Amino acid sequence: MSLPPLYKYLSVQGAKLTLGNQCFRFAKPSEYDDLEDMTVQSLFPDKLEKALATMPDGFVDAVMANLYAPPTCPPGQRPTVVKLQTIFRQKPELSPIVAAGLKEDPEKAGLGVEAWKTRSEAFVKETNGFMQNYRVFCVTTDKTSERMWKEYAQETDEEVSQSALDTAYSNALNAIYSARKSETQANAATSFDDIVAARNIDVLDMADEMDIARGVLADLFDGAMLRPARKRLKDAVCEMLKITSAMFDGAHDLALNNPRFGHAKATGAPVMRARPCDEIIRDSPMTPERVRYWLEEV
C-alpha cells in the first residue's frame, strides 16, 4: 500500500539544516511543545477523582468475569481475590453489595485520592523518563494546517540568497530521487535462492530453526507452492531472511514463474504441479501439532 504525500513543518533554521544536510532530525518526546500528545499523561483523560469513583465497580466486574481464572494481581492481593472468587461463585448476587461497600470507605478500600495521586504521579514520571530513550519524527498529510503555519512562522531579518534557495531546492530533488531509487531497488524481485545466498543461510538449517518440514520450504523456494502462503509461514520466512512482505511476494512470484523441476521421467518432459500451501503442509511429515501450528490463522 502506497503512502499519501507526507509533509513536515519546520522553522526557517530547521528547514535550512534539513535541506542542507539531507537528514531528518528525530527529537526527544520532551522537546515537543504539546507534551500532552507526547507523554503517558494523554492516556489518562479523566480526572483521578472520577477514575477512583468507578474503580469499585470495575474491580468487582473484573472478578465476576474471571471467577475461575487464576489471579494475576500482585501476590499480596491474591488471597483476597481468591476469596472473592469463591464467594461470587456461590452467591453472585453479593457483587453489587461488595462494590457498594468499597465506595462507602474509599480510604479503607485503598482508593484514597491522595495515595493514588502520589502513585499516579510517580508512574507518569517513571514512564515519561523511559520514553526519553526513544525519538520521534512527526509528519502530516495536511500541508494547509493554519495552526501549524502559525506555530512555525517566524519573523526574521535574515536575507536568504537565491543561490542558497537554489542549493536547497537541488538538495531536496536529489534526496527525493535517491529515496525513490532506493525504494525501487528494494522492491525489485529477488529469488529466494539469491536471498539465502546473500545472507549465507543454509536452507536445511533454516527449516530446522523454524521447526518446519524441509520439504515445505523446498516447495516454496522451488516454485511448487501456490499463492497465497500461510501468513504464519510468510512471517517466519521474512523474519529468518530479514526481508519485507513485498520482497517475499516478489521472490514467491519469481519461483512460481521459474519452477525448478526434479528428475524427468522416461515417458516425457518433467512436469511441476504446484499445490496450495495448506495441502503441502498437511502432506508433510510433521507431527499433527506442528501441522496445526502452521495452519493456524494469525
C-alpha atoms as a PDB file:
ATOM      1  CA  MET A   1       0.000   0.000   0.000  1.00  0.00           C
ATOM      2  CA  SER A   2       1.491   3.325  -1.061  1.00  0.00           C
ATOM      3  CA  LEU A   3       1.602   6.186   1.406  1.00  0.00           C
ATOM      4  CA  PRO A   4      -0.068   9.532   0.689  1.00  0.00           C
ATOM      5  CA  PRO A   5       2.165  12.607   0.343  1.00  0.00           C
ATOM      6  CA  LEU A   6       3.622  13.489   3.746  1.00  0.00           C
ATOM      7  CA  TYR A   7       4.661  16.964   4.889  1.00  0.00           C
ATOM      8  CA  LYS A   8       6.998  18.180   7.613  1.00  0.00           C
ATOM      9  CA  TYR A   9       6.552  21.593   9.208  1.00  0.00           C
ATOM     10  CA  LEU A  10       9.859  23.248  10.082  1.00  0.00           C
ATOM     11  CA  SER A  11      11.177  26.565  11.284  1.00  0.00           C
ATOM     12  CA  VAL A  12      13.422  28.562   8.957  1.00  0.00           C
ATOM     13  CA  GLN A  13      16.537  27.269  10.686  1.00  0.00           C
ATOM     14  CA  GLY A  14      15.192  23.710  10.778  1.00  0.00           C
ATOM     15  CA  ALA A  15      14.376  23.821   7.069  1.00  0.00           C
ATOM     16  CA  LYS A  16      17.845  25.147   6.200  1.00  0.00           C
ATOM     17  CA  LEU A  17      19.526  22.400   8.230  1.00  0.00           C
ATOM     18  CA  THR A  18      17.296  19.652   6.860  1.00  0.00           C
ATOM     19  CA  LEU A  19      17.712  20.661   3.226  1.00  0.00           C
ATOM     20  CA  GLY A  20      21.382  21.395   3.699  1.00  0.00           C
ATOM     21  CA  ASN A  21      22.436  18.040   5.163  1.00  0.00           C
ATOM     22  CA  GLN A  22      19.569  15.992   3.667  1.00  0.00           C
ATOM     23  CA  CYS A  23      18.809  14.426   7.042  1.00  0.00           C
ATOM     24  CA  PHE A  24      15.711  14.500   9.229  1.00  0.00           C
ATOM     25  CA  ARG A  25      16.061  15.033  12.955  1.00  0.00           C
ATOM     26  CA  PHE A  26      14.327  12.652  15.346  1.00  0.00           C
ATOM     27  CA  ALA A  27      13.624  14.538  18.565  1.00  0.00           C
ATOM     28  CA  LYS A  28      13.098  13.523  22.191  1.00  0.00           C
ATOM     29  CA  PRO A  29       9.445  13.469  23.303  1.00  0.00           C
ATOM     30  CA  SER A  30      10.272  16.046  25.989  1.00  0.00           C
ATOM     31  CA  GLU A  31      11.373  18.539  23.320  1.00  0.00           C
ATOM     32  CA  TYR A  32       7.879  18.838  21.855  1.00  0.00           C
ATOM     33  CA  ASP A  33       5.730  21.791  22.825  1.00  0.00           C
ATOM     34  CA  ASP A  34       2.497  19.770  23.013  1.00  0.00           C
ATOM     35  CA  LEU A  35       3.596  17.468  25.818  1.00  0.00           C
ATOM     36  CA  GLU A  36       0.093  16.068  26.351  1.00  0.00           C
ATOM     37  CA  ASP A  37       0.402  14.344  22.981  1.00  0.00           C
ATOM     38  CA  MET A  38       3.892  13.065  23.683  1.00  0.00           C
ATOM     39  CA  THR A  39       3.621  11.700  27.228  1.00  0.00           C
ATOM     40  CA  VAL A  40       1.796   8.967  29.048  1.00  0.00           C
ATOM     41  CA  GLN A  41      -0.405  11.641  30.650  1.00  0.00           C
ATOM     42  CA  SER A  42      -2.502  11.578  27.461  1.00  0.00           C
ATOM     43  CA  LEU A  43      -3.556   8.017  28.353  1.00  0.00           C
ATOM     44  CA  PHE A  44      -5.461   9.297  31.404  1.00  0.00           C
ATOM     45  CA  PRO A  45      -8.080  11.707  30.085  1.00  0.00           C
ATOM     46  CA  ASP A  46     -10.295  11.590  33.202  1.00  0.00           C
ATOM     47  CA  LYS A  47      -9.583  13.299  36.494  1.00  0.00           C
ATOM     48  CA  LEU A  48      -8.194  10.995  39.179  1.00  0.00           C
ATOM     49  CA  GLU A  49     -11.228  11.513  41.410  1.00  0.00           C
ATOM     50  CA  LYS A  50     -13.565  10.383  38.630  1.00  0.00           C
ATOM     51  CA  ALA A  51     -11.449   7.332  37.858  1.00  0.00           C
ATOM     52  CA  LEU A  52     -11.336   6.282  41.525  1.00  0.00           C
ATOM     53  CA  ALA A  53     -15.119   6.600  41.789  1.00  0.00           C
ATOM     54  CA  THR A  54     -15.552   3.971  39.057  1.00  0.00           C
ATOM     55  CA  MET A  55     -12.846   1.597  40.298  1.00  0.00           C
ATOM     56  CA  PRO A  56     -15.006  -0.375  42.789  1.00  0.00           C
ATOM     57  CA  ASP A  57     -17.456  -1.339  40.046  1.00  0.00           C
ATOM     58  CA  GLY A  58     -14.607  -2.137  37.662  1.00  0.00           C
ATOM     59  CA  PHE A  59     -12.825  -4.250  40.269  1.00  0.00           C
ATOM     60  CA  VAL A  60     -15.919  -6.303  41.069  1.00  0.00           C
ATOM     61  CA  ASP A  61     -16.794  -6.675  37.377  1.00  0.00           C
ATOM     62  CA  ALA A  62     -13.270  -7.961  36.684  1.00  0.00           C
ATOM     63  CA  VAL A  63     -13.574 -10.590  39.417  1.00  0.00           C
ATOM     64  CA  MET A  64     -17.044 -11.635  38.184  1.00  0.00           C
ATOM     65  CA  ALA A  65     -15.725 -12.030  34.633  1.00  0.00           C
ATOM     66  CA  ASN A  66     -12.871 -14.256  35.824  1.00  0.00           C
ATOM     67  CA  LEU A  67     -14.418 -16.440  38.530  1.00  0.00           C
ATOM     68  CA  TYR A  68     -12.363 -19.483  37.555  1.00  0.00           C
ATOM     69  CA  ALA A  69      -9.180 -17.819  36.307  1.00  0.00           C
ATOM     70  CA  PRO A  70      -6.015 -17.823  38.441  1.00  0.00           C
ATOM     71  CA  PRO A  71      -5.395 -14.273  39.765  1.00  0.00           C
ATOM     72  CA  THR A  72      -2.580 -12.366  38.080  1.00  0.00           C
ATOM     73  CA  CYS A  73      -2.569  -9.425  40.506  1.00  0.00           C
ATOM     74  CA  PRO A  74       0.329  -8.737  42.933  1.00  0.00           C
ATOM     75  CA  PRO A  75       0.933 -11.620  45.391  1.00  0.00           C
ATOM     76  CA  GLY A  76      -0.287  -9.610  48.378  1.00  0.00           C
ATOM     77  CA  GLN A  77      -3.737  -9.154  46.787  1.00  0.00           C
ATOM     78  CA  ARG A  78      -4.231 -12.702  45.530  1.00  0.00           C
ATOM     79  CA  PRO A  79      -5.721 -14.235  48.728  1.00  0.00           C
ATOM     80  CA  THR A  80      -8.411 -11.536  48.752  1.00  0.00           C
ATOM     81  CA  VAL A  81      -9.211 -12.046  45.076  1.00  0.00           C
ATOM     82  CA  VAL A  82      -9.398 -15.838  45.521  1.00  0.00           C
ATOM     83  CA  LYS A  83     -11.755 -15.381  48.470  1.00  0.00           C
ATOM     84  CA  LEU A  84     -13.990 -13.062  46.426  1.00  0.00           C
ATOM     85  CA  GLN A  85     -13.999 -15.531  43.515  1.00  0.00           C
ATOM     86  CA  THR A  86     -15.202 -18.265  45.874  1.00  0.00           C
ATOM     87  CA  ILE A  87     -17.911 -16.047  47.343  1.00  0.00           C
ATOM     88  CA  PHE A  88     -19.150 -14.782  43.976  1.00  0.00           C
ATOM     89  CA  ARG A  89     -19.260 -18.313  42.529  1.00  0.00           C
ATOM     90  CA  GLN A  90     -21.565 -19.358  45.356  1.00  0.00           C
ATOM     91  CA  LYS A  91     -23.564 -16.132  45.646  1.00  0.00           C
ATOM     92  CA  PRO A  92     -23.146 -13.846  42.600  1.00  0.00           C
ATOM     93  CA  GLU A  93     -25.904 -11.584  43.915  1.00  0.00           C
ATOM     94  CA  LEU A  94     -23.431 -10.267  46.504  1.00  0.00           C
ATOM     95  CA  SER A  95     -21.291  -8.499  43.886  1.00  0.00           C
ATOM     96  CA  PRO A  96     -23.172  -5.147  43.922  1.00  0.00           C
ATOM     97  CA  ILE A  97     -23.130  -5.193  47.745  1.00  0.00           C
ATOM     98  CA  VAL A  98     -19.335  -5.603  47.762  1.00  0.00           C
ATOM     99  CA  ALA A  99     -18.963  -2.780  45.228  1.00  0.00           C
ATOM    100  CA  ALA A 100     -21.149  -0.506  47.369  1.00  0.00           C
ATOM    101  CA  GLY A 101     -19.061  -1.340  50.433  1.00  0.00           C
ATOM    102  CA  LEU A 102     -15.872  -0.326  48.643  1.00  0.00           C
ATOM    103  CA  LYS A 103     -17.431   3.012  47.771  1.00  0.00           C
ATOM    104  CA  GLU A 104     -18.540   3.732  51.345  1.00  0.00           C
ATOM    105  CA  ASP A 105     -14.992   3.893  52.726  1.00  0.00           C
ATOM    106  CA  PRO A 106     -12.523   4.586  49.891  1.00  0.00           C
ATOM    107  CA  GLU A 107      -9.583   5.106  52.255  1.00  0.00           C
ATOM    108  CA  LYS A 108     -10.043   1.723  53.895  1.00  0.00           C
ATOM    109  CA  ALA A 109     -10.512   0.124  50.486  1.00  0.00           C
ATOM    110  CA  GLY A 110      -7.186   1.567  49.316  1.00  0.00           C
ATOM    111  CA  LEU A 111      -8.840   4.078  46.983  1.00  0.00           C
ATOM    112  CA  GLY A 112      -7.851   7.299  48.713  1.00  0.00           C
ATOM    113  CA  VAL A 113      -7.295  10.225  46.385  1.00  0.00           C
ATOM    114  CA  GLU A 114      -4.013  11.440  47.895  1.00  0.00           C
ATOM    115  CA  ALA A 115      -2.397   7.999  47.939  1.00  0.00           C
ATOM    116  CA  TRP A 116      -3.389   7.346  44.359  1.00  0.00           C
ATOM    117  CA  LYS A 117      -2.318  10.814  43.283  1.00  0.00           C
ATOM    118  CA  THR A 118       1.191  10.129  44.596  1.00  0.00           C
ATOM    119  CA  ARG A 119       1.257   6.712  42.904  1.00  0.00           C
ATOM    120  CA  SER A 120      -0.091   8.124  39.632  1.00  0.00           C
ATOM    121  CA  GLU A 121       2.430  10.975  39.508  1.00  0.00           C
ATOM    122  CA  ALA A 122       5.308   8.575  40.192  1.00  0.00           C
ATOM    123  CA  PHE A 123       4.115   6.241  37.440  1.00  0.00           C
ATOM    124  CA  VAL A 124       3.753   9.070  34.918  1.00  0.00           C
ATOM    125  CA  LYS A 125       7.198  10.425  35.796  1.00  0.00           C
ATOM    126  CA  GLU A 126       8.814   6.986  35.506  1.00  0.00           C
ATOM    127  CA  THR A 127       7.103   6.217  32.192  1.00  0.00           C
ATOM    128  CA  ASN A 128       7.939   9.589  30.679  1.00  0.00           C
ATOM    129  CA  GLY A 129      11.560   9.106  31.729  1.00  0.00           C
ATOM    130  CA  PHE A 130      11.551   5.757  29.945  1.00  0.00           C
ATOM    131  CA  MET A 131      10.102   7.369  26.802  1.00  0.00           C
ATOM    132  CA  GLN A 132      13.108   9.666  26.567  1.00  0.00           C
ATOM    133  CA  ASN A 133      15.088   6.671  25.318  1.00  0.00           C
ATOM    134  CA  TYR A 134      13.076   6.909  22.092  1.00  0.00           C
ATOM    135  CA  ARG A 135      12.958   9.503  19.349  1.00  0.00           C
ATOM    136  CA  VAL A 136      10.019  10.897  17.415  1.00  0.00           C
ATOM    137  CA  PHE A 137       9.648  12.199  13.873  1.00  0.00           C
ATOM    138  CA  CYS A 138       6.287  13.803  13.109  1.00  0.00           C
ATOM    139  CA  VAL A 139       4.821  14.311   9.653  1.00  0.00           C
ATOM    140  CA  THR A 140       1.340  15.109   8.402  1.00  0.00           C
ATOM    141  CA  THR A 141      -0.809  14.701   5.314  1.00  0.00           C
ATOM    142  CA  ASP A 142      -2.158  18.245   5.760  1.00  0.00           C
ATOM    143  CA  LYS A 143       0.017  20.942   4.189  1.00  0.00           C
ATOM    144  CA  THR A 144      -2.519  23.719   4.862  1.00  0.00           C
ATOM    145  CA  SER A 145      -2.833  23.466   8.656  1.00  0.00           C
ATOM    146  CA  GLU A 146      -3.398  27.015   9.901  1.00  0.00           C
ATOM    147  CA  ARG A 147      -2.275  26.077  13.407  1.00  0.00           C
ATOM    148  CA  MET A 148       0.982  24.572  12.171  1.00  0.00           C
ATOM    149  CA  TRP A 149       1.743  27.510   9.876  1.00  0.00           C
ATOM    150  CA  LYS A 150       1.248  29.891  12.802  1.00  0.00           C
ATOM    151  CA  GLU A 151       3.329  27.648  15.071  1.00  0.00           C
ATOM    152  CA  TYR A 152       6.340  27.581  12.764  1.00  0.00           C
ATOM    153  CA  ALA A 153       6.050  31.017  11.152  1.00  0.00           C
ATOM    154  CA  GLN A 154       8.945  33.196  12.216  1.00  0.00           C
ATOM    155  CA  GLU A 155       9.827  36.810  11.721  1.00  0.00           C
ATOM    156  CA  THR A 156      13.409  37.030  10.544  1.00  0.00           C
ATOM    157  CA  ASP A 157      15.625  39.777   9.246  1.00  0.00           C
ATOM    158  CA  GLU A 158      17.956  37.261   7.676  1.00  0.00           C
ATOM    159  CA  GLU A 159      18.010  37.534   3.916  1.00  0.00           C
ATOM    160  CA  VAL A 160      18.246  34.229   2.111  1.00  0.00           C
ATOM    161  CA  SER A 161      20.129  34.474  -1.168  1.00  0.00           C
ATOM    162  CA  GLN A 162      18.802  32.995  -4.395  1.00  0.00           C
ATOM    163  CA  SER A 163      21.907  30.816  -4.504  1.00  0.00           C
ATOM    164  CA  ALA A 164      21.044  29.304  -1.117  1.00  0.00           C
ATOM    165  CA  LEU A 165      17.471  28.687  -2.256  1.00  0.00           C
ATOM    166  CA  ASP A 166      18.673  27.035  -5.453  1.00  0.00           C
ATOM    167  CA  THR A 167      21.051  24.823  -3.489  1.00  0.00           C
ATOM    168  CA  ALA A 168      18.326  23.810  -1.059  1.00  0.00           C
ATOM    169  CA  TYR A 169      15.946  23.040  -3.927  1.00  0.00           C
ATOM    170  CA  SER A 170      18.602  20.960  -5.659  1.00  0.00           C
ATOM    171  CA  ASN A 171      19.341  19.054  -2.455  1.00  0.00           C
ATOM    172  CA  ALA A 172      15.646  18.353  -1.972  1.00  0.00           C
ATOM    173  CA  LEU A 173      15.295  16.993  -5.504  1.00  0.00           C
ATOM    174  CA  ASN A 174      18.376  14.815  -5.037  1.00  0.00           C
ATOM    175  CA  ALA A 175      17.004  13.460  -1.785  1.00  0.00           C
ATOM    176  CA  ILE A 176      13.658  12.640  -3.408  1.00  0.00           C
ATOM    177  CA  TYR A 177      15.387  10.969  -6.363  1.00  0.00           C
ATOM    178  CA  SER A 178      17.654   8.925  -4.083  1.00  0.00           C
ATOM    179  CA  ALA A 179      14.710   7.818  -1.958  1.00  0.00           C
ATOM    180  CA  ARG A 180      12.716   6.723  -4.993  1.00  0.00           C
ATOM    181  CA  LYS A 181      15.724   4.921  -6.437  1.00  0.00           C
ATOM    182  CA  SER A 182      16.331   3.100  -3.146  1.00  0.00           C
ATOM    183  CA  GLU A 183      12.662   2.149  -2.934  1.00  0.00           C
ATOM    184  CA  THR A 184      12.706   0.814  -6.496  1.00  0.00           C
ATOM    185  CA  GLN A 185      15.829  -1.227  -5.816  1.00  0.00           C
ATOM    186  CA  ALA A 186      14.413  -2.538  -2.543  1.00  0.00           C
ATOM    187  CA  ASN A 187      11.212  -3.669  -4.237  1.00  0.00           C
ATOM    188  CA  ALA A 188      12.979  -5.306  -7.193  1.00  0.00           C
ATOM    189  CA  ALA A 189      12.174  -9.011  -7.176  1.00  0.00           C
ATOM    190  CA  THR A 190      14.983 -11.244  -5.936  1.00  0.00           C
ATOM    191  CA  SER A 191      14.782 -15.014  -5.823  1.00  0.00           C
ATOM    192  CA  PHE A 192      14.746 -16.955  -2.582  1.00  0.00           C
ATOM    193  CA  ASP A 193      17.984 -18.645  -3.638  1.00  0.00           C
ATOM    194  CA  ASP A 194      19.733 -15.312  -4.144  1.00  0.00           C
ATOM    195  CA  ILE A 195      18.440 -14.012  -0.809  1.00  0.00           C
ATOM    196  CA  VAL A 196      19.653 -17.005   1.219  1.00  0.00           C
ATOM    197  CA  ALA A 197      22.976 -16.948  -0.640  1.00  0.00           C
ATOM    198  CA  ALA A 198      23.470 -13.251   0.107  1.00  0.00           C
ATOM    199  CA  ARG A 199      22.785 -13.896   3.796  1.00  0.00           C
ATOM    200  CA  ASN A 200      24.896 -17.063   3.900  1.00  0.00           C
ATOM    201  CA  ILE A 201      21.936 -19.096   5.161  1.00  0.00           C
ATOM    202  CA  ASP A 202      21.615 -22.853   4.722  1.00  0.00           C
ATOM    203  CA  VAL A 203      18.018 -23.754   3.842  1.00  0.00           C
ATOM    204  CA  LEU A 204      18.149 -27.018   5.807  1.00  0.00           C
ATOM    205  CA  ASP A 205      19.373 -25.212   8.909  1.00  0.00           C
ATOM    206  CA  MET A 206      16.706 -22.579   8.329  1.00  0.00           C
ATOM    207  CA  ALA A 207      13.971 -25.244   8.267  1.00  0.00           C
ATOM    208  CA  ASP A 208      15.328 -26.842  11.446  1.00  0.00           C
ATOM    209  CA  GLU A 209      15.390 -23.487  13.243  1.00  0.00           C
ATOM    210  CA  MET A 210      11.834 -22.738  12.130  1.00  0.00           C
ATOM    211  CA  ASP A 211      10.812 -26.263  13.194  1.00  0.00           C
ATOM    212  CA  ILE A 212       9.113 -26.887   9.870  1.00  0.00           C
ATOM    213  CA  ALA A 213       9.440 -29.750   7.404  1.00  0.00           C
ATOM    214  CA  ARG A 214      12.276 -29.141   4.972  1.00  0.00           C
ATOM    215  CA  GLY A 215      10.012 -30.128   2.088  1.00  0.00           C
ATOM    216  CA  VAL A 216       7.677 -27.205   2.815  1.00  0.00           C
ATOM    217  CA  LEU A 217      10.475 -24.675   2.342  1.00  0.00           C
ATOM    218  CA  ALA A 218      11.774 -26.619  -0.658  1.00  0.00           C
ATOM    219  CA  ASP A 219       8.378 -26.430  -2.364  1.00  0.00           C
ATOM    220  CA  LEU A 220       8.168 -22.704  -1.612  1.00  0.00           C
ATOM    221  CA  PHE A 221      11.652 -21.984  -2.954  1.00  0.00           C
ATOM    222  CA  ASP A 222      11.275 -24.305  -5.966  1.00  0.00           C
ATOM    223  CA  GLY A 223       8.020 -22.772  -7.204  1.00  0.00           C
ATOM    224  CA  ALA A 224       5.808 -25.696  -6.189  1.00  0.00           C
ATOM    225  CA  MET A 225       3.694 -23.740  -3.662  1.00  0.00           C
ATOM    226  CA  LEU A 226       0.791 -21.692  -4.987  1.00  0.00           C
ATOM    227  CA  ARG A 227      -0.016 -18.285  -3.601  1.00  0.00           C
ATOM    228  CA  PRO A 228      -1.012 -17.278  -1.049  1.00  0.00           C
ATOM    229  CA  ALA A 229       1.336 -18.759   1.517  1.00  0.00           C
ATOM    230  CA  ARG A 230       0.046 -19.005   5.057  1.00  0.00           C
ATOM    231  CA  LYS A 231       0.683 -15.761   6.950  1.00  0.00           C
ATOM    232  CA  ARG A 232       2.497 -17.585   9.749  1.00  0.00           C
ATOM    233  CA  LEU A 233       4.824 -19.213   7.215  1.00  0.00           C
ATOM    234  CA  LYS A 234       5.343 -15.940   5.358  1.00  0.00           C
ATOM    235  CA  ASP A 235       6.098 -14.016   8.560  1.00  0.00           C
ATOM    236  CA  ALA A 236       8.541 -16.682   9.745  1.00  0.00           C
ATOM    237  CA  VAL A 237      10.428 -16.714   6.422  1.00  0.00           C
ATOM    238  CA  CYS A 238      10.559 -12.905   6.370  1.00  0.00           C
ATOM    239  CA  GLU A 239      11.943 -12.910   9.907  1.00  0.00           C
ATOM    240  CA  MET A 240      14.587 -15.538   9.125  1.00  0.00           C
ATOM    241  CA  LEU A 241      15.707 -13.863   5.892  1.00  0.00           C
ATOM    242  CA  LYS A 242      15.258 -10.285   7.159  1.00  0.00           C
ATOM    243  CA  ILE A 243      13.097  -9.298   4.193  1.00  0.00           C
ATOM    244  CA  THR A 244       9.884  -7.349   3.776  1.00  0.00           C
ATOM    245  CA  SER A 245       6.496  -8.778   2.868  1.00  0.00           C
ATOM    246  CA  ALA A 246       6.836  -7.213  -0.604  1.00  0.00           C
ATOM    247  CA  MET A 247      10.213  -8.906  -1.130  1.00  0.00           C
ATOM    248  CA  PHE A 248       8.700 -12.236  -0.091  1.00  0.00           C
ATOM    249  CA  ASP A 249       5.870 -11.806  -2.614  1.00  0.00           C
ATOM    250  CA  GLY A 250       8.358 -10.907  -5.348  1.00  0.00           C
ATOM    251  CA  ALA A 251      10.504 -13.960  -4.612  1.00  0.00           C
ATOM    252  CA  HIS A 252       7.411 -16.172  -4.477  1.00  0.00           C
ATOM    253  CA  ASP A 253       6.241 -14.942  -7.880  1.00  0.00           C
ATOM    254  CA  LEU A 254       9.719 -15.496  -9.308  1.00  0.00           C
ATOM    255  CA  ALA A 255       9.724 -19.056  -8.018  1.00  0.00           C
ATOM    256  CA  LEU A 256       6.286 -19.767  -9.494  1.00  0.00           C
ATOM    257  CA  ASN A 257       7.276 -18.297 -12.866  1.00  0.00           C
ATOM    258  CA  ASN A 258      10.564 -20.218 -12.893  1.00  0.00           C
ATOM    259  CA  PRO A 259       9.845 -23.562 -11.225  1.00  0.00           C
ATOM    260  CA  ARG A 260      12.732 -25.867 -10.511  1.00  0.00           C
ATOM    261  CA  PHE A 261      11.993 -29.336 -11.873  1.00  0.00           C
ATOM    262  CA  GLY A 262      13.119 -32.635 -10.436  1.00  0.00           C
ATOM    263  CA  HIS A 263      14.303 -35.629 -12.447  1.00  0.00           C
ATOM    264  CA  ALA A 264      12.418 -36.204 -15.703  1.00  0.00           C
ATOM    265  CA  LYS A 265      10.542 -39.443 -16.237  1.00  0.00           C
ATOM    266  CA  ALA A 266      11.384 -41.669 -19.192  1.00  0.00           C
ATOM    267  CA  THR A 267       7.901 -41.181 -20.600  1.00  0.00           C
ATOM    268  CA  GLY A 268       8.158 -37.443 -21.161  1.00  0.00           C
ATOM    269  CA  ALA A 269       9.213 -33.990 -20.048  1.00  0.00           C
ATOM    270  CA  PRO A 270       9.245 -33.162 -16.363  1.00  0.00           C
ATOM    271  CA  VAL A 271       6.054 -31.614 -15.004  1.00  0.00           C
ATOM    272  CA  MET A 272       5.874 -29.373 -11.946  1.00  0.00           C
ATOM    273  CA  ARG A 273       2.494 -29.490 -10.226  1.00  0.00           C
ATOM    274  CA  ALA A 274       2.214 -26.521  -7.916  1.00  0.00           C
ATOM    275  CA  ARG A 275      -0.020 -27.157  -4.934  1.00  0.00           C
ATOM    276  CA  PRO A 276      -1.777 -24.977  -2.355  1.00  0.00           C
ATOM    277  CA  CYS A 277       0.208 -24.103   0.755  1.00  0.00           C
ATOM    278  CA  ASP A 278      -2.249 -25.879   3.080  1.00  0.00           C
ATOM    279  CA  GLU A 279      -2.024 -29.114   1.096  1.00  0.00           C
ATOM    280  CA  ILE A 280       1.779 -29.061   1.206  1.00  0.00           C
ATOM    281  CA  ILE A 281       1.771 -28.515   4.966  1.00  0.00           C
ATOM    282  CA  ARG A 282      -0.818 -31.247   5.589  1.00  0.00           C
ATOM    283  CA  ASP A 283       1.081 -33.758   3.454  1.00  0.00           C
ATOM    284  CA  SER A 284       4.390 -33.025   5.183  1.00  0.00           C
ATOM    285  CA  PRO A 285       5.893 -35.487   7.712  1.00  0.00           C
ATOM    286  CA  MET A 286       5.445 -33.024  10.567  1.00  0.00           C
ATOM    287  CA  THR A 287       3.606 -34.003  13.736  1.00  0.00           C
ATOM    288  CA  PRO A 288      -0.125 -33.168  13.904  1.00  0.00           C
ATOM    289  CA  GLU A 289       0.692 -30.425  16.432  1.00  0.00           C
ATOM    290  CA  ARG A 290       3.190 -28.746  14.123  1.00  0.00           C
ATOM    291  CA  VAL A 291       0.814 -29.065  11.159  1.00  0.00           C
ATOM    292  CA  ARG A 292      -1.918 -27.354  13.192  1.00  0.00           C
ATOM    293  CA  TYR A 293       0.536 -24.649  14.219  1.00  0.00           C
ATOM    294  CA  TRP A 294       1.484 -23.747  10.637  1.00  0.00           C
ATOM    295  CA  LEU A 295      -2.163 -23.845   9.522  1.00  0.00           C
ATOM    296  CA  GLU A 296      -3.443 -21.607  12.303  1.00  0.00           C
ATOM    297  CA  GLU A 297      -4.769 -18.172  11.422  1.00  0.00           C
ATOM    298  CA  VAL A 298      -2.727 -15.325  12.896  1.00  0.00           C
END
